[in-house]
Amino acid sequence: MTMQLDVVSAEESLFSGAVQELIAPGSMGDLGIMPRHSQLITTLKAGELKYKTGDGEVSLFVAGGIMEVQPSIVTILADTAVRSEDLDEQTAKDAQKRAEDALEGKDPEDLDYEAIRAELDAAKAQIEMIHRIGKTLR
């Protein structure tokens, strides 16, 4: 039994096809979704989106977004999404450093703390995913 999964970001459509299951980084914790799941709309936090197709398991990094679940189709509208093979640890570390520096040294009136915090959380989640999937520094 399968369900349709569509994953899109502002930049591109990353996946559209049949999947057997998926695990998404919900804002309150990971969500396991199987075919015929109850209807659900939730926000996503930065983390690893995993889904299983007939060809095996696939991982994507999402930096937030929204997921809509219907019994036979799941739609993920990601703020940003990156295929696991395109992740770069140095780029993520640079983003983490920029966000930490911004939080430490600027005039509080000039900062958008929520945006900087989201960037920092996304960078940390990306580095964690890179280490979990065993990808080495390029």
C-alpha atoms as a PDB file:
ATOM      1  CA  MET A   1       0.000   0.000   0.000  1.00  0.00           C
ATOM      2  CA  THR A   2       1.327   3.460  -0.900  1.00  0.00           C
ATOM      3  CA  MET A   3       0.381   7.124  -0.746  1.00  0.00           C
ATOM      4  CA  GLN A   4       1.285  10.077  -2.941  1.00  0.00           C
ATOM      5  CA  LEU A   5       3.969  12.419  -1.543  1.00  0.00           C
ATOM      6  CA  ASP A   6       4.706  15.859  -2.967  1.00  0.00           C
ATOM      7  CA  VAL A   7       7.613  17.842  -1.520  1.00  0.00           C
ATOM      8  CA  VAL A   8       8.109  21.384  -2.791  1.00  0.00           C
ATOM      9  CA  SER A   9      10.100  24.402  -1.678  1.00  0.00           C
ATOM     10  CA  ALA A  10      10.121  27.964  -2.928  1.00  0.00           C
ATOM     11  CA  GLU A  11      12.951  27.028  -5.286  1.00  0.00           C
ATOM     12  CA  GLU A  12      11.810  23.697  -6.743  1.00  0.00           C
ATOM     13  CA  SER A  13       9.779  20.512  -6.560  1.00  0.00           C
ATOM     14  CA  LEU A  14      12.028  17.949  -4.854  1.00  0.00           C
ATOM     15  CA  PHE A  15       9.873  14.851  -5.016  1.00  0.00           C
ATOM     16  CA  SER A  16       6.528  13.694  -6.337  1.00  0.00           C
ATOM     17  CA  GLY A  17       5.657  10.013  -6.246  1.00  0.00           C
ATOM     18  CA  ALA A  18       4.374   7.003  -4.365  1.00  0.00           C
ATOM     19  CA  VAL A  19       5.820   6.240  -0.927  1.00  0.00           C
ATOM     20  CA  GLN A  20       5.174   3.498   1.595  1.00  0.00           C
ATOM     21  CA  GLU A  21       5.825   5.649   4.666  1.00  0.00           C
ATOM     22  CA  LEU A  22       7.426   8.894   5.774  1.00  0.00           C
ATOM     23  CA  ILE A  23       8.863  10.451   8.900  1.00  0.00           C
ATOM     24  CA  ALA A  24       8.670  14.228   9.116  1.00  0.00           C
ATOM     25  CA  PRO A  25      10.214  16.634  11.661  1.00  0.00           C
ATOM     26  CA  GLY A  26       7.019  18.063  13.187  1.00  0.00           C
ATOM     27  CA  SER A  27       7.289  21.143  15.348  1.00  0.00           C
ATOM     28  CA  MET A  28       6.322  19.035  18.400  1.00  0.00           C
ATOM     29  CA  GLY A  29       8.385  15.970  17.431  1.00  0.00           C
ATOM     30  CA  ASP A  30       8.844  13.485  14.608  1.00  0.00           C
ATOM     31  CA  LEU A  31       5.683  12.288  12.858  1.00  0.00           C
ATOM     32  CA  GLY A  32       5.375   8.868  11.255  1.00  0.00           C
ATOM     33  CA  ILE A  33       2.878   8.845   8.390  1.00  0.00           C
ATOM     34  CA  MET A  34       1.557   5.713   6.691  1.00  0.00           C
ATOM     35  CA  PRO A  35      -1.060   5.304   3.931  1.00  0.00           C
ATOM     36  CA  ARG A  36      -4.633   5.983   5.138  1.00  0.00           C
ATOM     37  CA  HIS A  37      -3.378   8.247   7.957  1.00  0.00           C
ATOM     38  CA  SER A  38      -5.879  10.605   9.582  1.00  0.00           C
ATOM     39  CA  GLN A  39      -6.120  14.090   8.134  1.00  0.00           C
ATOM     40  CA  LEU A  40      -3.598  16.480   9.639  1.00  0.00           C
ATOM     41  CA  ILE A  41      -2.057  19.883   9.055  1.00  0.00           C
ATOM     42  CA  THR A  42       1.066  20.777  11.014  1.00  0.00           C
ATOM     43  CA  THR A  43       4.122  22.966  10.932  1.00  0.00           C
ATOM     44  CA  LEU A  44       7.558  21.466  10.437  1.00  0.00           C
ATOM     45  CA  LYS A  45      10.796  22.362  12.179  1.00  0.00           C
ATOM     46  CA  ALA A  46      14.269  22.081  10.687  1.00  0.00           C
ATOM     47  CA  GLY A  47      15.326  18.478  10.374  1.00  0.00           C
ATOM     48  CA  GLU A  48      15.416  15.293   8.346  1.00  0.00           C
ATOM     49  CA  LEU A  49      12.459  14.210   6.225  1.00  0.00           C
ATOM     50  CA  LYS A  50      12.688  10.479   5.442  1.00  0.00           C
ATOM     51  CA  TYR A  51      10.473   8.493   3.119  1.00  0.00           C
ATOM     52  CA  LYS A  52      10.487   4.965   1.778  1.00  0.00           C
ATOM     53  CA  THR A  53       9.844   4.213  -1.887  1.00  0.00           C
ATOM     54  CA  GLY A  54      10.022   0.941  -3.778  1.00  0.00           C
ATOM     55  CA  ASP A  55      13.693   1.791  -4.464  1.00  0.00           C
ATOM     56  CA  GLY A  56      14.680   2.319  -0.819  1.00  0.00           C
ATOM     57  CA  GLU A  57      14.802   5.061   1.794  1.00  0.00           C
ATOM     58  CA  VAL A  58      15.431   8.696   0.840  1.00  0.00           C
ATOM     59  CA  SER A  59      16.380  11.633   3.084  1.00  0.00           C
ATOM     60  CA  LEU A  60      15.870  15.342   2.552  1.00  0.00           C
ATOM     61  CA  PHE A  61      16.714  18.239   4.849  1.00  0.00           C
ATOM     62  CA  VAL A  62      13.842  20.670   5.427  1.00  0.00           C
ATOM     63  CA  ALA A  63      14.203  23.971   7.247  1.00  0.00           C
ATOM     64  CA  GLY A  64      10.617  24.389   8.377  1.00  0.00           C
ATOM     65  CA  GLY A  65       7.373  24.510   6.472  1.00  0.00           C
ATOM     66  CA  ILE A  66       3.895  23.014   6.488  1.00  0.00           C
ATOM     67  CA  MET A  67       2.692  19.454   5.985  1.00  0.00           C
ATOM     68  CA  GLU A  68      -0.842  18.508   4.970  1.00  0.00           C
ATOM     69  CA  VAL A  69      -1.818  14.859   5.352  1.00  0.00           C
ATOM     70  CA  GLN A  70      -4.828  13.299   3.629  1.00  0.00           C
ATOM     71  CA  PRO A  71      -5.526   9.537   3.650  1.00  0.00           C
ATOM     72  CA  SER A  72      -3.884   9.003   0.233  1.00  0.00           C
ATOM     73  CA  ILE A  73      -1.736  12.120  -0.310  1.00  0.00           C
ATOM     74  CA  VAL A  74       0.779  14.103   1.725  1.00  0.00           C
ATOM     75  CA  THR A  75       1.899  17.571   0.655  1.00  0.00           C
ATOM     76  CA  ILE A  76       4.945  19.228   2.170  1.00  0.00           C
ATOM     77  CA  LEU A  77       5.543  22.914   1.513  1.00  0.00           C
ATOM     78  CA  ALA A  78       9.064  23.433   2.843  1.00  0.00           C
ATOM     79  CA  ASP A  79      10.568  26.837   3.583  1.00  0.00           C
ATOM     80  CA  THR A  80      13.853  25.403   2.309  1.00  0.00           C
ATOM     81  CA  ALA A  81      14.662  21.840   1.294  1.00  0.00           C
ATOM     82  CA  VAL A  82      17.941  20.182   0.283  1.00  0.00           C
ATOM     83  CA  ARG A  83      18.604  16.670  -0.977  1.00  0.00           C
ATOM     84  CA  SER A  84      20.904  14.766   1.381  1.00  0.00           C
ATOM     85  CA  GLU A  85      23.587  14.382  -1.300  1.00  0.00           C
ATOM     86  CA  ASP A  86      23.664  18.188  -1.692  1.00  0.00           C
ATOM     87  CA  LEU A  87      24.245  18.930   2.004  1.00  0.00           C
ATOM     88  CA  ASP A  88      27.549  20.605   2.794  1.00  0.00           C
ATOM     89  CA  GLU A  89      28.842  20.612   6.359  1.00  0.00           C
ATOM     90  CA  GLN A  90      31.111  23.626   5.898  1.00  0.00           C
ATOM     91  CA  THR A  91      28.247  25.733   4.507  1.00  0.00           C
ATOM     92  CA  ALA A  92      26.076  24.734   7.486  1.00  0.00           C
ATOM     93  CA  LYS A  93      28.880  25.541   9.952  1.00  0.00           C
ATOM     94  CA  ASP A  94      29.384  28.936   8.302  1.00  0.00           C
ATOM     95  CA  ALA A  95      25.653  29.680   8.619  1.00  0.00           C
ATOM     96  CA  GLN A  96      25.721  28.616  12.270  1.00  0.00           C
ATOM     97  CA  LYS A  97      28.706  30.907  12.969  1.00  0.00           C
ATOM     98  CA  ARG A  98      27.038  33.878  11.228  1.00  0.00           C
ATOM     99  CA  ALA A  99      23.854  33.411  13.264  1.00  0.00           C
ATOM    100  CA  GLU A 100      25.753  33.054  16.555  1.00  0.00           C
ATOM    101  CA  ASP A 101      27.822  36.160  15.774  1.00  0.00           C
ATOM    102  CA  ALA A 102      24.679  38.108  14.933  1.00  0.00           C
ATOM    103  CA  LEU A 103      23.072  37.166  18.230  1.00  0.00           C
ATOM    104  CA  GLU A 104      26.169  38.168  20.217  1.00  0.00           C
ATOM    105  CA  GLY A 105      27.335  41.431  18.749  1.00  0.00           C
ATOM    106  CA  LYS A 106      24.577  43.579  17.319  1.00  0.00           C
ATOM    107  CA  ASP A 107      22.327  46.309  18.627  1.00  0.00           C
ATOM    108  CA  PRO A 108      19.156  44.562  19.880  1.00  0.00           C
ATOM    109  CA  GLU A 109      16.945  47.015  17.975  1.00  0.00           C
ATOM    110  CA  ASP A 110      18.558  46.003  14.670  1.00  0.00           C
ATOM    111  CA  LEU A 111      18.041  42.269  15.149  1.00  0.00           C
ATOM    112  CA  ASP A 112      15.241  40.047  14.021  1.00  0.00           C
ATOM    113  CA  TYR A 113      15.826  37.485  16.757  1.00  0.00           C
ATOM    114  CA  GLU A 114      13.214  35.083  15.412  1.00  0.00           C
ATOM    115  CA  ALA A 115      14.791  34.967  11.936  1.00  0.00           C
ATOM    116  CA  ILE A 116      18.320  34.603  13.318  1.00  0.00           C
ATOM    117  CA  ARG A 117      17.209  31.909  15.760  1.00  0.00           C
ATOM    118  CA  ALA A 118      15.493  30.021  12.898  1.00  0.00           C
ATOM    119  CA  GLU A 119      18.700  30.237  10.834  1.00  0.00           C
ATOM    120  CA  LEU A 120      20.748  28.967  13.780  1.00  0.00           C
ATOM    121  CA  ASP A 121      18.342  26.088  14.450  1.00  0.00           C
ATOM    122  CA  ALA A 122      18.359  25.132  10.758  1.00  0.00           C
ATOM    123  CA  ALA A 123      22.162  25.136  10.607  1.00  0.00           C
ATOM    124  CA  LYS A 124      22.429  22.971  13.726  1.00  0.00           C
ATOM    125  CA  ALA A 125      19.798  20.537  12.426  1.00  0.00           C
ATOM    126  CA  GLN A 126      21.589  20.320   9.080  1.00  0.00           C
ATOM    127  CA  ILE A 127      24.933  19.528  10.758  1.00  0.00           C
ATOM    128  CA  GLU A 128      23.225  16.901  12.927  1.00  0.00           C
ATOM    129  CA  MET A 129      21.666  15.284   9.847  1.00  0.00           C
ATOM    130  CA  ILE A 130      24.993  15.281   7.995  1.00  0.00           C
ATOM    131  CA  HIS A 131      26.608  13.449  10.905  1.00  0.00           C
ATOM    132  CA  ARG A 132      23.680  11.030  11.238  1.00  0.00           C
ATOM    133  CA  ILE A 133      23.748   9.995   7.580  1.00  0.00           C
ATOM    134  CA  GLY A 134      27.526   9.699   7.705  1.00  0.00           C
ATOM    135  CA  LYS A 135      28.396  12.383   5.201  1.00  0.00           C
ATOM    136  CA  THR A 136      31.916  13.755   5.596  1.00  0.00           C
ATOM    137  CA  LEU A 137      33.139  17.316   5.309  1.00  0.00           C
ATOM    138  CA  ARG A 138      33.804  18.376   1.722  1.00  0.00           C
END
